[in-house]
Each structure stands twice: as C-alpha cells, then as structure tokens.
Protein backbone atom coordinates (compact mmCIF):
# COMPACT_ATOMS: atom_id res chain seq x y z
CA MET A 1 15.69 -33.93 6.72
CA ASP A 2 16.99 -32.91 3.27
CA ALA A 3 19.05 -29.68 3.44
CA ALA A 4 16.88 -28.01 0.78
CA TYR A 5 13.80 -28.47 2.96
CA VAL A 6 15.50 -27.02 6.05
CA GLU A 7 17.08 -24.10 4.19
CA HIS A 8 13.74 -22.60 3.19
CA LEU A 9 11.59 -23.79 6.11
CA ALA A 10 10.02 -20.92 8.06
CA SER A 11 11.23 -20.81 11.67
CA ASN A 12 9.40 -17.80 13.09
CA ARG A 13 6.96 -19.49 15.50
CA TYR A 14 4.73 -17.61 17.93
CA PHE A 15 1.40 -17.83 19.73
CA ASP A 16 -1.35 -15.82 18.03
CA PRO A 17 -3.60 -14.38 20.76
CA THR A 18 -6.36 -13.36 18.32
CA PHE A 19 -6.98 -16.96 17.25
CA SER A 20 -5.55 -18.63 20.39
CA ALA A 21 -3.39 -20.77 18.13
CA GLU A 22 0.22 -21.77 17.59
CA ALA A 23 1.34 -19.89 14.48
CA VAL A 24 4.23 -19.62 12.02
CA LYS A 25 5.08 -16.48 10.06
CA VAL A 26 6.19 -17.33 6.50
CA LEU A 27 8.62 -14.73 5.10
CA PRO A 28 9.68 -14.17 1.45
CA GLY A 29 11.49 -17.22 0.09
CA GLU A 30 10.17 -19.48 2.88
CA TYR A 31 7.50 -22.15 3.22
CA PHE A 32 6.01 -24.23 6.02
CA VAL A 33 4.02 -27.47 6.22
CA THR A 34 2.14 -29.01 9.13
CA THR A 35 0.10 -32.03 10.12
CA THR A 36 -1.31 -30.27 13.21
CA ASP A 37 -4.06 -27.74 13.80
CA MET A 38 -2.13 -24.48 13.66
CA LEU A 39 -2.08 -21.15 11.83
CA LEU A 40 0.21 -20.10 8.97
CA VAL A 41 0.56 -16.35 8.41
CA THR A 42 2.20 -14.22 5.75
CA VAL A 43 2.07 -10.67 4.41
CA LEU A 44 2.19 -10.28 0.64
CA GLY A 45 2.94 -7.38 -1.65
CA SER A 46 4.14 -8.32 -5.15
CA CYS A 47 4.93 -11.86 -3.98
CA VAL A 48 2.42 -14.69 -4.16
CA SER A 49 1.55 -17.41 -1.71
CA ALA A 50 0.07 -20.82 -2.43
CA CYS A 51 -1.81 -22.44 0.43
CA ILE A 52 -2.03 -26.13 -0.46
CA ARG A 53 -3.65 -28.89 1.60
CA ASP A 54 -4.82 -32.46 1.43
CA LYS A 55 -8.52 -31.80 1.95
CA THR A 56 -9.08 -35.31 3.36
CA LYS A 57 -6.16 -35.54 5.80
CA GLY A 58 -5.85 -31.86 6.77
CA ILE A 59 -2.11 -31.81 6.03
CA GLY A 60 -1.23 -28.43 4.57
CA GLY A 61 1.34 -25.78 3.92
CA MET A 62 2.06 -22.32 2.62
CA ASN A 63 4.87 -20.79 0.57
CA HIS A 64 5.81 -17.18 -0.19
CA PHE A 65 7.73 -16.47 -3.38
CA MET A 66 8.47 -14.14 -6.27
CA LEU A 67 9.80 -14.82 -9.73
CA ALA A 68 13.24 -13.39 -10.30
CA ASP A 69 13.01 -10.07 -12.16
CA SER A 70 14.77 -11.08 -15.34
CA GLY A 71 12.94 -8.48 -17.42
CA GLU A 72 11.60 -11.30 -19.57
CA PRO A 73 7.83 -11.04 -20.00
CA SER A 74 7.30 -14.79 -20.42
CA VAL A 75 6.34 -16.90 -17.41
CA THR A 76 8.30 -19.73 -19.04
CA SER A 77 11.55 -17.78 -18.70
CA ALA A 78 14.49 -18.99 -16.60
CA SER A 79 13.27 -16.81 -13.72
CA ALA A 80 10.16 -18.98 -13.44
CA ARG A 81 12.42 -21.71 -12.07
CA TYR A 82 12.38 -19.82 -8.74
CA GLY A 83 8.61 -20.18 -8.63
CA THR A 84 8.77 -23.80 -9.79
CA TYR A 85 11.24 -24.59 -7.00
CA ALA A 86 9.03 -22.86 -4.39
CA MET A 87 5.98 -24.82 -5.55
CA GLU A 88 7.72 -28.18 -5.88
CA ILE A 89 9.44 -28.03 -2.48
CA LEU A 90 6.05 -27.29 -0.84
CA ILE A 91 4.24 -30.09 -2.69
CA ASN A 92 7.05 -32.60 -2.13
CA HIS A 93 7.11 -31.91 1.60
CA LEU A 94 3.32 -32.36 1.81
CA LEU A 95 3.61 -35.71 0.00
CA LYS A 96 6.47 -36.71 2.31
CA LEU A 97 4.16 -36.11 5.31
CA GLY A 98 1.49 -38.37 3.82
CA ALA A 99 -0.66 -36.07 1.68
CA ARG A 100 -2.09 -37.63 -1.49
CA ARG A 101 -1.63 -35.75 -4.74
CA SER A 102 -5.21 -36.56 -5.82
CA ASN A 103 -6.58 -34.87 -2.67
CA LEU A 104 -4.62 -31.61 -2.98
CA GLU A 105 -6.35 -28.28 -3.39
CA ALA A 106 -4.86 -24.79 -3.48
CA LYS A 107 -5.81 -21.27 -2.50
CA VAL A 108 -3.61 -18.52 -3.93
CA PHE A 109 -3.03 -14.93 -2.92
CA GLY A 110 -0.91 -11.86 -3.65
CA GLY A 111 0.62 -10.26 -6.71
CA GLY A 112 -0.33 -6.73 -5.72
CA ARG A 113 1.16 -3.76 -7.53
CA VAL A 114 2.73 -2.30 -4.40
CA MET A 115 6.40 -1.81 -5.22
CA SER A 116 7.00 1.02 -7.66
CA ALA A 117 10.46 -0.33 -8.48
CA LEU A 118 8.93 -3.62 -9.63
CA SER A 119 5.72 -2.39 -11.25
CA SER A 120 7.46 -1.60 -14.55
CA SER A 121 8.20 -5.31 -15.02
CA ASN A 122 4.67 -6.34 -13.93
CA VAL A 123 6.20 -8.75 -11.43
CA GLY A 124 2.93 -9.15 -9.52
CA GLU A 125 1.05 -10.11 -12.69
CA ARG A 126 3.84 -12.50 -13.70
CA ASN A 127 3.76 -14.15 -10.28
CA CYS A 128 -0.03 -14.61 -10.48
CA SER A 129 0.08 -16.01 -14.02
CA PHE A 130 2.86 -18.37 -13.03
CA VAL A 131 1.16 -19.84 -9.95
CA LEU A 132 -2.16 -20.40 -11.74
CA GLU A 133 -0.46 -22.01 -14.73
CA PHE A 134 1.70 -24.21 -12.50
CA LEU A 135 -1.33 -25.49 -10.57
CA ARG A 136 -3.29 -26.07 -13.78
CA THR A 137 -0.40 -28.08 -15.24
CA GLU A 138 -0.06 -30.13 -12.05
CA GLY A 139 -3.82 -30.80 -11.93
CA ILE A 140 -4.26 -29.18 -8.51
CA PRO A 141 -7.61 -27.35 -8.36
CA VAL A 142 -7.69 -23.74 -7.14
CA ALA A 143 -10.48 -23.54 -4.55
CA ALA A 144 -10.06 -19.79 -3.87
CA ARG A 145 -7.97 -16.85 -5.03
CA ASP A 146 -7.38 -13.20 -4.23
CA LEU A 147 -4.81 -11.88 -6.70
CA LEU A 148 -3.56 -8.59 -8.16
CA ASP A 149 -5.05 -5.26 -6.93
CA ILE A 150 -2.90 -2.46 -5.48
CA HIS A 151 -2.93 -3.38 -1.79
CA PRO A 152 -0.70 -5.66 0.26
CA ARG A 153 -2.51 -8.51 2.02
CA LYS A 154 -2.15 -10.35 5.30
CA VAL A 155 -3.11 -14.01 4.86
CA TYR A 156 -4.11 -16.38 7.67
CA PHE A 157 -4.29 -20.05 6.65
CA PHE A 158 -5.62 -22.89 8.82
CA PRO A 159 -4.40 -26.05 7.01
CA ALA A 160 -6.43 -28.44 9.18
CA THR A 161 -9.74 -26.97 7.97
CA GLY A 162 -8.71 -25.10 4.81
CA ARG A 163 -10.07 -21.83 6.21
CA VAL A 164 -8.31 -18.69 4.93
CA LEU A 165 -8.76 -15.11 6.10
CA VAL A 166 -7.38 -12.27 3.99
CA LYS A 167 -6.99 -8.73 5.25
CA LYS A 168 -6.26 -5.97 2.70
CA LEU A 169 -3.73 -3.54 4.14
CA THR A 170 -4.88 -0.19 2.82
CA ARG A 171 -2.36 1.62 5.02
CA LEU A 172 1.07 0.34 5.94
CA HIS A 173 2.30 1.64 9.28
CA ASN A 174 5.92 0.91 8.43
CA ASP A 175 8.07 -0.10 5.48
CA THR A 176 8.88 -3.63 6.69
CA LEU A 177 6.93 -5.39 3.91
CA LEU A 178 8.44 -3.29 1.13
CA ARG A 179 11.93 -3.67 2.60
CA ARG A 180 11.58 -7.47 2.91
CA GLU A 181 10.31 -7.86 -0.66
CA SER A 182 12.99 -5.52 -2.05
CA GLU A 183 15.74 -7.45 -0.24
CA TYR A 184 14.24 -10.74 -1.43
CA ALA A 185 14.11 -9.47 -5.05
CA ALA A 186 17.77 -8.40 -4.75
CA ARG A 187 18.76 -11.85 -3.43
CA LEU A 188 16.98 -13.51 -6.36
CA SER A 189 18.81 -11.37 -8.88
CA GLN A 190 22.20 -12.34 -7.41
CA ALA A 191 21.67 -16.00 -6.45
CA PRO A 192 22.00 -18.91 -8.84
CA ILE A 193 18.71 -20.50 -9.82
CA ALA A 194 17.81 -23.29 -7.40
CA GLY A 195 18.24 -26.81 -8.65
CA ASP A 196 15.39 -28.95 -9.80
CA VAL A 197 13.32 -30.82 -7.22
CA GLU A 198 12.13 -34.20 -8.38
CA LEU A 199 8.41 -34.78 -7.89
CA PHE A 200 7.42 -38.24 -6.72
C-alpha cells in the first residue's frame, strides 16, 4: 500500500460492546476505510469529520481533520491544503477499494467552538465551510450534517448501512479531546503542507 495511505490510516481497533461490533477509533489527522460491516468512531471538537460511502456497495470511510491555523480568513488559503489532502486521501482510498464516484454520499460533522485558543480564528467555522465547499465542488451530495455549535461530539458511523449516531458531549470528564486537538493544531503549524494527491 502507498506510504501516504498507511501514514494516516487509523490503527486503534477495538470491540465495541454497546453495538457488538468491531470498531476503529479515528484520531485527529487520521482516516479509515472499510468494505466490511463495522463501526467507525471519532470525537470532534473544532475538527471536522467527513463520513463518505458508496451507497450502493456499502464501502465507506471516515476522516478527522482541521485546517492549519494560518490566521488567513479565506478557505482558499494555503492552510486549506491540509483539508484537501484529508478529503482526497479518503476518497482515493474508497475508489481504490471499488467505490464508484457517482455513488458517493457524505455526512459531515464537527466544527464546534470548543477550544478557546482557536476560537479567535474561527477555526471551527473555517473547517465547516471548507468541507461543504469541497464536497460541492466534487459533486458529492451531503446527505446529513451536524456542524458548528459549542459542544464536542462523538460520532458513530456504520459505513455498510450509512447509519450515523451523534452524541453531543455537554460535559467532558477529562481534557483528552482538547489536548489531542491542541497537539494536532501544533503539528499542523510546524509540518510542511502535505503534497497533492491525484484524484483518479
């Protein structure tokens, strides 16, 4: 498999007793795709997640990303290349597994105003605007969305059926989410922008 796919592929697998299903936890900067009936899970603050599937074949995947905080208000800024890379690597992997572009549909989540350090740059709003604009440009319909607000969300995605469950986290019992997103934002500000991924 191409190194770019492996580098960002989520590897945190577990058995979810609530849904009696094999599951994968998708962390910031990661994505996962599957051709089997399993559960993809992520927790979002300012980041966004696109859950994309071939609605005919049941092949689907999820990413979890944030635009780099360049301070530029435009979603067409250089920082948007992080989001473009996250979207293209997910779509390309789905196509590689046999999904058809004409059958793709998306459900998008996140962009909450939960990190005070990032709220001044409206990073959640920028992430939401970016993902919707990207999908519109690519001609992938958005079947459902739950964006913005002030609460983090836990998202459960079943690619085989397209079912999504979203739980608003009105109280966080620990600072894991905020720490992960802060560390991810710091990595983005220091790392070079990922190279282009060619769509086929």
